[in-house]
Amino acid sequence: MEEQGKAYWYATLRLIAGILSVWVVVSYGFGIIFAGALNTIQLGGYPFGFWWAQQGSMYVFIILIFVYARLQSNLDKKFKVNEQ
């Protein structure tokens, strides 16, 4: 039983690390590091880097919430720790 608990915890940590990696790339990478390159593209009359930092990253964050909830639910079912 303890081994299954460790496997569940490891899978959960991998999921969290993956979600946080996407979050870092979207917020820090696209919003700051690649903003200059993204600003060469126009979206609705605004530079894309500016739009991404102000609007696009928020859309991705909301999507990440739902993706995390779905994937964690799948992990819970796989390891039989889900709430019914």
PDB file of N, CA and C in Angstrom:
ATOM      1  N   MET A   1       0.817  -1.195   0.000  1.00  0.00           N
ATOM      2  CA  MET A   1       0.000   0.000   0.000  1.00  0.00           C
ATOM      3  C   MET A   1       0.865   1.265   0.000  1.00  0.00           C
ATOM      4  N   GLU A   2       1.950   1.224   0.751  1.00  0.00           N
ATOM      5  CA  GLU A   2       2.831   2.392   0.819  1.00  0.00           C
ATOM      6  C   GLU A   2       3.469   2.667  -0.540  1.00  0.00           C
ATOM      7  N   GLU A   3       3.781   1.618  -1.278  1.00  0.00           N
ATOM      8  CA  GLU A   3       4.385   1.788  -2.600  1.00  0.00           C
ATOM      9  C   GLU A   3       3.412   2.463  -3.562  1.00  0.00           C
ATOM     10  N   GLN A   4       2.138   2.106  -3.461  1.00  0.00           N
ATOM     11  CA  GLN A   4       1.129   2.744  -4.311  1.00  0.00           C
ATOM     12  C   GLN A   4       0.981   4.217  -3.936  1.00  0.00           C
ATOM     13  N   GLY A   5       1.074   4.521  -2.657  1.00  0.00           N
ATOM     14  CA  GLY A   5       1.005   5.912  -2.207  1.00  0.00           C
ATOM     15  C   GLY A   5       2.157   6.739  -2.745  1.00  0.00           C
ATOM     16  N   LYS A   6       3.344   6.146  -2.751  1.00  0.00           N
ATOM     17  CA  LYS A   6       4.508   6.849  -3.302  1.00  0.00           C
ATOM     18  C   LYS A   6       4.358   7.065  -4.804  1.00  0.00           C
ATOM     19  N   ALA A   7       3.831   6.056  -5.506  1.00  0.00           N
ATOM     20  CA  ALA A   7       3.622   6.185  -6.954  1.00  0.00           C
ATOM     21  C   ALA A   7       2.597   7.275  -7.254  1.00  0.00           C
ATOM     22  N   TYR A   8       1.544   7.327  -6.442  1.00  0.00           N
ATOM     23  CA  TYR A   8       0.516   8.361  -6.614  1.00  0.00           C
ATOM     24  C   TYR A   8       1.118   9.750  -6.376  1.00  0.00           C
ATOM     25  N   TRP A   9       1.887   9.884  -5.321  1.00  0.00           N
ATOM     26  CA  TRP A   9       2.501  11.172  -5.002  1.00  0.00           C
ATOM     27  C   TRP A   9       3.484  11.595  -6.091  1.00  0.00           C
ATOM     28  N   TYR A  10       4.266  10.652  -6.607  1.00  0.00           N
ATOM     29  CA  TYR A  10       5.214  10.955  -7.677  1.00  0.00           C
ATOM     30  C   TYR A  10       4.469  11.406  -8.938  1.00  0.00           C
ATOM     31  N   ALA A  11       3.384  10.723  -9.273  1.00  0.00           N
ATOM     32  CA  ALA A  11       2.596  11.096 -10.454  1.00  0.00           C
ATOM     33  C   ALA A  11       1.976  12.482 -10.264  1.00  0.00           C
ATOM     34  N   THR A  12       1.512  12.769  -9.062  1.00  0.00           N
ATOM     35  CA  THR A  12       0.936  14.078  -8.772  1.00  0.00           C
ATOM     36  C   THR A  12       1.991  15.174  -8.884  1.00  0.00           C
ATOM     37  N   LEU A  13       3.174  14.919  -8.355  1.00  0.00           N
ATOM     38  CA  LEU A  13       4.253  15.913  -8.457  1.00  0.00           C
ATOM     39  C   LEU A  13       4.680  16.142  -9.905  1.00  0.00           C
ATOM     40  N   ARG A  14       4.705  15.079 -10.696  1.00  0.00           N
ATOM     41  CA  ARG A  14       5.040  15.236 -12.121  1.00  0.00           C
ATOM     42  C   ARG A  14       3.997  16.092 -12.823  1.00  0.00           C
ATOM     43  N   LEU A  15       2.730  15.877 -12.502  1.00  0.00           N
ATOM     44  CA  LEU A  15       1.666  16.679 -13.100  1.00  0.00           C
ATOM     45  C   LEU A  15       1.812  18.144 -12.701  1.00  0.00           C
ATOM     46  N   ILE A  16       2.046  18.395 -11.433  1.00  0.00           N
ATOM     47  CA  ILE A  16       2.205  19.772 -10.956  1.00  0.00           C
ATOM     48  C   ILE A  16       3.419  20.420 -11.612  1.00  0.00           C
ATOM     49  N   ALA A  17       4.512  19.689 -11.728  1.00  0.00           N
ATOM     50  CA  ALA A  17       5.718  20.232 -12.376  1.00  0.00           C
ATOM     51  C   ALA A  17       5.443  20.572 -13.837  1.00  0.00           C
ATOM     52  N   GLY A  18       4.694  19.728 -14.516  1.00  0.00           N
ATOM     53  CA  GLY A  18       4.354  19.996 -15.916  1.00  0.00           C
ATOM     54  C   GLY A  18       3.485  21.233 -16.064  1.00  0.00           C
ATOM     55  N   ILE A  19       2.469  21.347 -15.215  1.00  0.00           N
ATOM     56  CA  ILE A  19       1.577  22.506 -15.262  1.00  0.00           C
ATOM     57  C   ILE A  19       2.353  23.785 -14.938  1.00  0.00           C
ATOM     58  N   LEU A  20       3.214  23.723 -13.928  1.00  0.00           N
ATOM     59  CA  LEU A  20       4.010  24.906 -13.573  1.00  0.00           C
ATOM     60  C   LEU A  20       5.011  25.270 -14.666  1.00  0.00           C
ATOM     61  N   SER A  21       5.532  24.273 -15.360  1.00  0.00           N
ATOM     62  CA  SER A  21       6.450  24.549 -16.474  1.00  0.00           C
ATOM     63  C   SER A  21       5.744  25.320 -17.578  1.00  0.00           C
ATOM     64  N   VAL A  22       4.540  24.896 -17.912  1.00  0.00           N
ATOM     65  CA  VAL A  22       3.763  25.624 -18.924  1.00  0.00           C
ATOM     66  C   VAL A  22       3.488  27.041 -18.429  1.00  0.00           C
ATOM     67  N   TRP A  23       3.124  27.169 -17.161  1.00  0.00           N
ATOM     68  CA  TRP A  23       2.842  28.482 -16.588  1.00  0.00           C
ATOM     69  C   TRP A  23       4.054  29.412 -16.690  1.00  0.00           C
ATOM     70  N   VAL A  24       5.256  28.893 -16.383  1.00  0.00           N
ATOM     71  CA  VAL A  24       6.472  29.708 -16.454  1.00  0.00           C
ATOM     72  C   VAL A  24       6.761  30.136 -17.888  1.00  0.00           C
ATOM     73  N   VAL A  25       6.645  29.204 -18.817  1.00  0.00           N
ATOM     74  CA  VAL A  25       6.921  29.529 -20.221  1.00  0.00           C
ATOM     75  C   VAL A  25       5.937  30.588 -20.723  1.00  0.00           C
ATOM     76  N   VAL A  26       4.671  30.412 -20.388  1.00  0.00           N
ATOM     77  CA  VAL A  26       3.646  31.344 -20.861  1.00  0.00           C
ATOM     78  C   VAL A  26       3.820  32.721 -20.232  1.00  0.00           C
ATOM     79  N   SER A  27       4.011  32.767 -18.923  1.00  0.00           N
ATOM     80  CA  SER A  27       4.073  34.077 -18.267  1.00  0.00           C
ATOM     81  C   SER A  27       5.429  34.747 -18.430  1.00  0.00           C
ATOM     82  N   TYR A  28       6.481  34.056 -18.074  1.00  0.00           N
ATOM     83  CA  TYR A  28       7.813  34.664 -18.106  1.00  0.00           C
ATOM     84  C   TYR A  28       8.401  34.644 -19.516  1.00  0.00           C
ATOM     85  N   GLY A  29       8.288  33.507 -20.173  1.00  0.00           N
ATOM     86  CA  GLY A  29       8.873  33.378 -21.506  1.00  0.00           C
ATOM     87  C   GLY A  29       8.204  34.263 -22.534  1.00  0.00           C
ATOM     88  N   PHE A  30       6.900  34.054 -22.741  1.00  0.00           N
ATOM     89  CA  PHE A  30       6.189  34.827 -23.760  1.00  0.00           C
ATOM     90  C   PHE A  30       5.949  36.264 -23.332  1.00  0.00           C
ATOM     91  N   GLY A  31       5.711  36.472 -22.044  1.00  0.00           N
ATOM     92  CA  GLY A  31       5.387  37.812 -21.571  1.00  0.00           C
ATOM     93  C   GLY A  31       6.578  38.727 -21.430  1.00  0.00           C
ATOM     94  N   ILE A  32       7.783  38.170 -21.197  1.00  0.00           N
ATOM     95  CA  ILE A  32       8.954  39.012 -20.945  1.00  0.00           C
ATOM     96  C   ILE A  32      10.079  38.717 -21.944  1.00  0.00           C
ATOM     97  N   ILE A  33      10.545  37.474 -21.974  1.00  0.00           N
ATOM     98  CA  ILE A  33      11.726  37.142 -22.772  1.00  0.00           C
ATOM     99  C   ILE A  33      11.475  37.287 -24.265  1.00  0.00           C
ATOM    100  N   PHE A  34      10.369  36.729 -24.749  1.00  0.00           N
ATOM    101  CA  PHE A  34      10.088  36.752 -26.188  1.00  0.00           C
ATOM    102  C   PHE A  34       9.165  37.889 -26.599  1.00  0.00           C
ATOM    103  N   ALA A  35       8.914  38.833 -25.710  1.00  0.00           N
ATOM    104  CA  ALA A  35       7.991  39.928 -26.010  1.00  0.00           C
ATOM    105  C   ALA A  35       8.467  40.753 -27.202  1.00  0.00           C
ATOM    106  N   GLY A  36       9.752  41.001 -27.287  1.00  0.00           N
ATOM    107  CA  GLY A  36      10.284  41.781 -28.408  1.00  0.00           C
ATOM    108  C   GLY A  36      10.031  41.115 -29.746  1.00  0.00           C
ATOM    109  N   ALA A  37      10.275  39.819 -29.803  1.00  0.00           N
ATOM    110  CA  ALA A  37      10.029  39.090 -31.052  1.00  0.00           C
ATOM    111  C   ALA A  37       8.538  39.005 -31.356  1.00  0.00           C
ATOM    112  N   LEU A  38       7.726  38.835 -30.330  1.00  0.00           N
ATOM    113  CA  LEU A  38       6.278  38.747 -30.542  1.00  0.00           C
ATOM    114  C   LEU A  38       5.671  40.086 -30.943  1.00  0.00           C
ATOM    115  N   ASN A  39       6.333  41.172 -30.570  1.00  0.00           N
ATOM    116  CA  ASN A  39       5.817  42.501 -30.917  1.00  0.00           C
ATOM    117  C   ASN A  39       5.901  42.800 -32.404  1.00  0.00           C
ATOM    118  N   THR A  40       6.623  41.998 -33.163  1.00  0.00           N
ATOM    119  CA  THR A  40       6.675  42.200 -34.613  1.00  0.00           C
ATOM    120  C   THR A  40       5.377  41.768 -35.283  1.00  0.00           C
ATOM    121  N   ILE A  41       4.539  41.032 -34.557  1.00  0.00           N
ATOM    122  CA  ILE A  41       3.243  40.573 -35.067  1.00  0.00           C
ATOM    123  C   ILE A  41       2.165  41.488 -34.501  1.00  0.00           C
ATOM    124  N   GLN A  42       1.229  41.881 -35.337  1.00  0.00           N
ATOM    125  CA  GLN A  42       0.118  42.735 -34.905  1.00  0.00           C
ATOM    126  C   GLN A  42      -1.143  41.883 -34.710  1.00  0.00           C
ATOM    127  N   LEU A  43      -1.871  42.164 -33.641  1.00  0.00           N
ATOM    128  CA  LEU A  43      -3.135  41.479 -33.382  1.00  0.00           C
ATOM    129  C   LEU A  43      -4.155  42.534 -32.975  1.00  0.00           C
ATOM    130  N   GLY A  44      -5.108  42.790 -33.854  1.00  0.00           N
ATOM    131  CA  GLY A  44      -6.109  43.808 -33.563  1.00  0.00           C
ATOM    132  C   GLY A  44      -5.519  45.204 -33.445  1.00  0.00           C
ATOM    133  N   GLY A  45      -4.428  45.458 -34.143  1.00  0.00           N
ATOM    134  CA  GLY A  45      -3.788  46.771 -34.100  1.00  0.00           C
ATOM    135  C   GLY A  45      -2.793  46.943 -32.966  1.00  0.00           C
ATOM    136  N   TYR A  46      -2.633  45.913 -32.137  1.00  0.00           N
ATOM    137  CA  TYR A  46      -1.697  45.978 -31.016  1.00  0.00           C
ATOM    138  C   TYR A  46      -0.558  44.992 -31.240  1.00  0.00           C
ATOM    139  N   PRO A  47       0.623  45.283 -30.713  1.00  0.00           N
ATOM    140  CA  PRO A  47       1.718  44.317 -30.806  1.00  0.00           C
ATOM    141  C   PRO A  47       1.344  43.025 -30.062  1.00  0.00           C
ATOM    142  N   PHE A  48       1.646  41.897 -30.655  1.00  0.00           N
ATOM    143  CA  PHE A  48       1.243  40.612 -30.094  1.00  0.00           C
ATOM    144  C   PHE A  48       1.885  40.347 -28.740  1.00  0.00           C
ATOM    145  N   GLY A  49       3.115  40.799 -28.532  1.00  0.00           N
ATOM    146  CA  GLY A  49       3.768  40.624 -27.237  1.00  0.00           C
ATOM    147  C   GLY A  49       3.012  41.336 -26.128  1.00  0.00           C
ATOM    148  N   PHE A  50       2.555  42.552 -26.430  1.00  0.00           N
ATOM    149  CA  PHE A  50       1.745  43.299 -25.461  1.00  0.00           C
ATOM    150  C   PHE A  50       0.428  42.591 -25.210  1.00  0.00           C
ATOM    151  N   TRP A  51      -0.246  42.161 -26.286  1.00  0.00           N
ATOM    152  CA  TRP A  51      -1.528  41.461 -26.139  1.00  0.00           C
ATOM    153  C   TRP A  51      -1.345  40.186 -25.327  1.00  0.00           C
ATOM    154  N   TRP A  52      -0.276  39.461 -25.626  1.00  0.00           N
ATOM    155  CA  TRP A  52      -0.053  38.200 -24.926  1.00  0.00           C
ATOM    156  C   TRP A  52       0.154  38.428 -23.424  1.00  0.00           C
ATOM    157  N   ALA A  53       0.955  39.420 -23.076  1.00  0.00           N
ATOM    158  CA  ALA A  53       1.225  39.696 -21.668  1.00  0.00           C
ATOM    159  C   ALA A  53      -0.037  40.159 -20.943  1.00  0.00           C
ATOM    160  N   GLN A  54      -0.920  40.872 -21.639  1.00  0.00           N
ATOM    161  CA  GLN A  54      -2.110  41.422 -20.987  1.00  0.00           C
ATOM    162  C   GLN A  54      -3.322  40.496 -21.053  1.00  0.00           C
ATOM    163  N   GLN A  55      -3.491  39.756 -22.136  1.00  0.00           N
ATOM    164  CA  GLN A  55      -4.700  38.958 -22.325  1.00  0.00           C
ATOM    165  C   GLN A  55      -4.428  37.472 -22.546  1.00  0.00           C
ATOM    166  N   GLY A  56      -3.543  37.158 -23.455  1.00  0.00           N
ATOM    167  CA  GLY A  56      -3.332  35.773 -23.866  1.00  0.00           C
ATOM    168  C   GLY A  56      -2.899  34.855 -22.742  1.00  0.00           C
ATOM    169  N   SER A  57      -2.014  35.343 -21.891  1.00  0.00           N
ATOM    170  CA  SER A  57      -1.543  34.501 -20.795  1.00  0.00           C
ATOM    171  C   SER A  57      -2.671  34.156 -19.835  1.00  0.00           C
ATOM    172  N   MET A  58      -3.610  35.067 -19.633  1.00  0.00           N
ATOM    173  CA  MET A  58      -4.740  34.776 -18.742  1.00  0.00           C
ATOM    174  C   MET A  58      -5.613  33.657 -19.301  1.00  0.00           C
ATOM    175  N   TYR A  59      -5.795  33.638 -20.613  1.00  0.00           N
ATOM    176  CA  TYR A  59      -6.572  32.554 -21.227  1.00  0.00           C
ATOM    177  C   TYR A  59      -5.891  31.218 -20.989  1.00  0.00           C
ATOM    178  N   VAL A  60      -4.584  31.200 -21.145  1.00  0.00           N
ATOM    179  CA  VAL A  60      -3.842  29.956 -20.924  1.00  0.00           C
ATOM    180  C   VAL A  60      -3.931  29.543 -19.455  1.00  0.00           C
ATOM    181  N   PHE A  61      -3.858  30.470 -18.542  1.00  0.00           N
ATOM    182  CA  PHE A  61      -3.951  30.139 -17.119  1.00  0.00           C
ATOM    183  C   PHE A  61      -5.299  29.518 -16.784  1.00  0.00           C
ATOM    184  N   ILE A  62      -6.372  30.062 -17.349  1.00  0.00           N
ATOM    185  CA  ILE A  62      -7.697  29.492 -17.107  1.00  0.00           C
ATOM    186  C   ILE A  62      -7.790  28.091 -17.692  1.00  0.00           C
ATOM    187  N   ILE A  63      -7.248  27.907 -18.872  1.00  0.00           N
ATOM    188  CA  ILE A  63      -7.237  26.568 -19.487  1.00  0.00           C
ATOM    189  C   ILE A  63      -6.428  25.610 -18.627  1.00  0.00           C
ATOM    190  N   LEU A  64      -5.312  26.078 -18.074  1.00  0.00           N
ATOM    191  CA  LEU A  64      -4.481  25.230 -17.213  1.00  0.00           C
ATOM    192  C   LEU A  64      -5.239  24.749 -15.978  1.00  0.00           C
ATOM    193  N   ILE A  65      -6.113  25.571 -15.445  1.00  0.00           N
ATOM    194  CA  ILE A  65      -6.912  25.158 -14.289  1.00  0.00           C
ATOM    195  C   ILE A  65      -7.763  23.950 -14.651  1.00  0.00           C
ATOM    196  N   PHE A  66      -8.442  24.022 -15.786  1.00  0.00           N
ATOM    197  CA  PHE A  66      -9.303  22.921 -16.200  1.00  0.00           C
ATOM    198  C   PHE A  66      -8.502  21.677 -16.587  1.00  0.00           C
ATOM    199  N   VAL A  67      -7.364  21.876 -17.233  1.00  0.00           N
ATOM    200  CA  VAL A  67      -6.505  20.743 -17.595  1.00  0.00           C
ATOM    201  C   VAL A  67      -5.994  20.050 -16.335  1.00  0.00           C
ATOM    202  N   TYR A  68      -5.556  20.835 -15.371  1.00  0.00           N
ATOM    203  CA  TYR A  68      -5.073  20.259 -14.120  1.00  0.00           C
ATOM    204  C   TYR A  68      -6.174  19.472 -13.412  1.00  0.00           C
ATOM    205  N   ALA A  69      -7.348  20.058 -13.328  1.00  0.00           N
ATOM    206  CA  ALA A  69      -8.457  19.379 -12.650  1.00  0.00           C
ATOM    207  C   ALA A  69      -8.786  18.060 -13.335  1.00  0.00           C
ATOM    208  N   ARG A  70      -8.807  18.048 -14.643  1.00  0.00           N
ATOM    209  CA  ARG A  70      -9.129  16.822 -15.392  1.00  0.00           C
ATOM    210  C   ARG A  70      -8.043  15.765 -15.206  1.00  0.00           C
ATOM    211  N   LEU A  71      -6.780  16.167 -15.365  1.00  0.00           N
ATOM    212  CA  LEU A  71      -5.678  15.206 -15.252  1.00  0.00           C
ATOM    213  C   LEU A  71      -5.531  14.684 -13.823  1.00  0.00           C
ATOM    214  N   GLN A  72      -5.736  15.541 -12.830  1.00  0.00           N
ATOM    215  CA  GLN A  72      -5.655  15.080 -11.443  1.00  0.00           C
ATOM    216  C   GLN A  72      -6.805  14.123 -11.140  1.00  0.00           C
ATOM    217  N   SER A  73      -7.960  14.398 -11.683  1.00  0.00           N
ATOM    218  CA  SER A  73      -9.097  13.488 -11.508  1.00  0.00           C
ATOM    219  C   SER A  73      -8.799  12.127 -12.119  1.00  0.00           C
ATOM    220  N   ASN A  74      -8.167  12.130 -13.290  1.00  0.00           N
ATOM    221  CA  ASN A  74      -7.777  10.862 -13.924  1.00  0.00           C
ATOM    222  C   ASN A  74      -6.763  10.107 -13.066  1.00  0.00           C
ATOM    223  N   LEU A  75      -5.808  10.830 -12.489  1.00  0.00           N
ATOM    224  CA  LEU A  75      -4.840  10.189 -11.593  1.00  0.00           C
ATOM    225  C   LEU A  75      -5.528   9.600 -10.360  1.00  0.00           C
ATOM    226  N   ASP A  76      -6.459  10.343  -9.808  1.00  0.00           N
ATOM    227  CA  ASP A  76      -7.192   9.859  -8.635  1.00  0.00           C
ATOM    228  C   ASP A  76      -7.934   8.558  -8.953  1.00  0.00           C
ATOM    229  N   LYS A  77      -8.557   8.512 -10.127  1.00  0.00           N
ATOM    230  CA  LYS A  77      -9.269   7.287 -10.526  1.00  0.00           C
ATOM    231  C   LYS A  77      -8.296   6.139 -10.764  1.00  0.00           C
ATOM    232  N   LYS A  78      -7.172   6.441 -11.387  1.00  0.00           N
ATOM    233  CA  LYS A  78      -6.182   5.410 -11.673  1.00  0.00           C
ATOM    234  C   LYS A  78      -5.658   4.771 -10.393  1.00  0.00           C
ATOM    235  N   PHE A  79      -5.420   5.581  -9.381  1.00  0.00           N
ATOM    236  CA  PHE A  79      -4.890   5.069  -8.120  1.00  0.00           C
ATOM    237  C   PHE A  79      -5.983   4.782  -7.083  1.00  0.00           C
ATOM    238  N   LYS A  80      -7.229   4.902  -7.526  1.00  0.00           N
ATOM    239  CA  LYS A  80      -8.390   4.592  -6.683  1.00  0.00           C
ATOM    240  C   LYS A  80      -8.436   5.400  -5.387  1.00  0.00           C
ATOM    241  N   VAL A  81      -8.171   6.695  -5.522  1.00  0.00           N
ATOM    242  CA  VAL A  81      -8.287   7.597  -4.374  1.00  0.00           C
ATOM    243  C   VAL A  81      -9.304   8.708  -4.660  1.00  0.00           C
ATOM    244  N   ASN A  82     -10.120   8.499  -5.691  1.00  0.00           N
ATOM    245  CA  ASN A  82     -11.087   9.533  -6.057  1.00  0.00           C
ATOM    246  C   ASN A  82     -12.271   9.541  -5.097  1.00  0.00           C
ATOM    247  N   GLU A  83     -12.903  10.694  -5.044  1.00  0.00           N
ATOM    248  CA  GLU A  83     -14.074  10.854  -4.189  1.00  0.00           C
ATOM    249  C   GLU A  83     -15.317  10.615  -5.040  1.00  0.00           C
ATOM    250  N   GLN A  84     -16.173   9.764  -4.567  1.00  0.00           N
ATOM    251  CA  GLN A  84     -17.412   9.462  -5.302  1.00  0.00           C
ATOM    252  C   GLN A  84     -18.586  10.060  -4.607  1.00  0.00           C
TER     253      GLN A  84
END
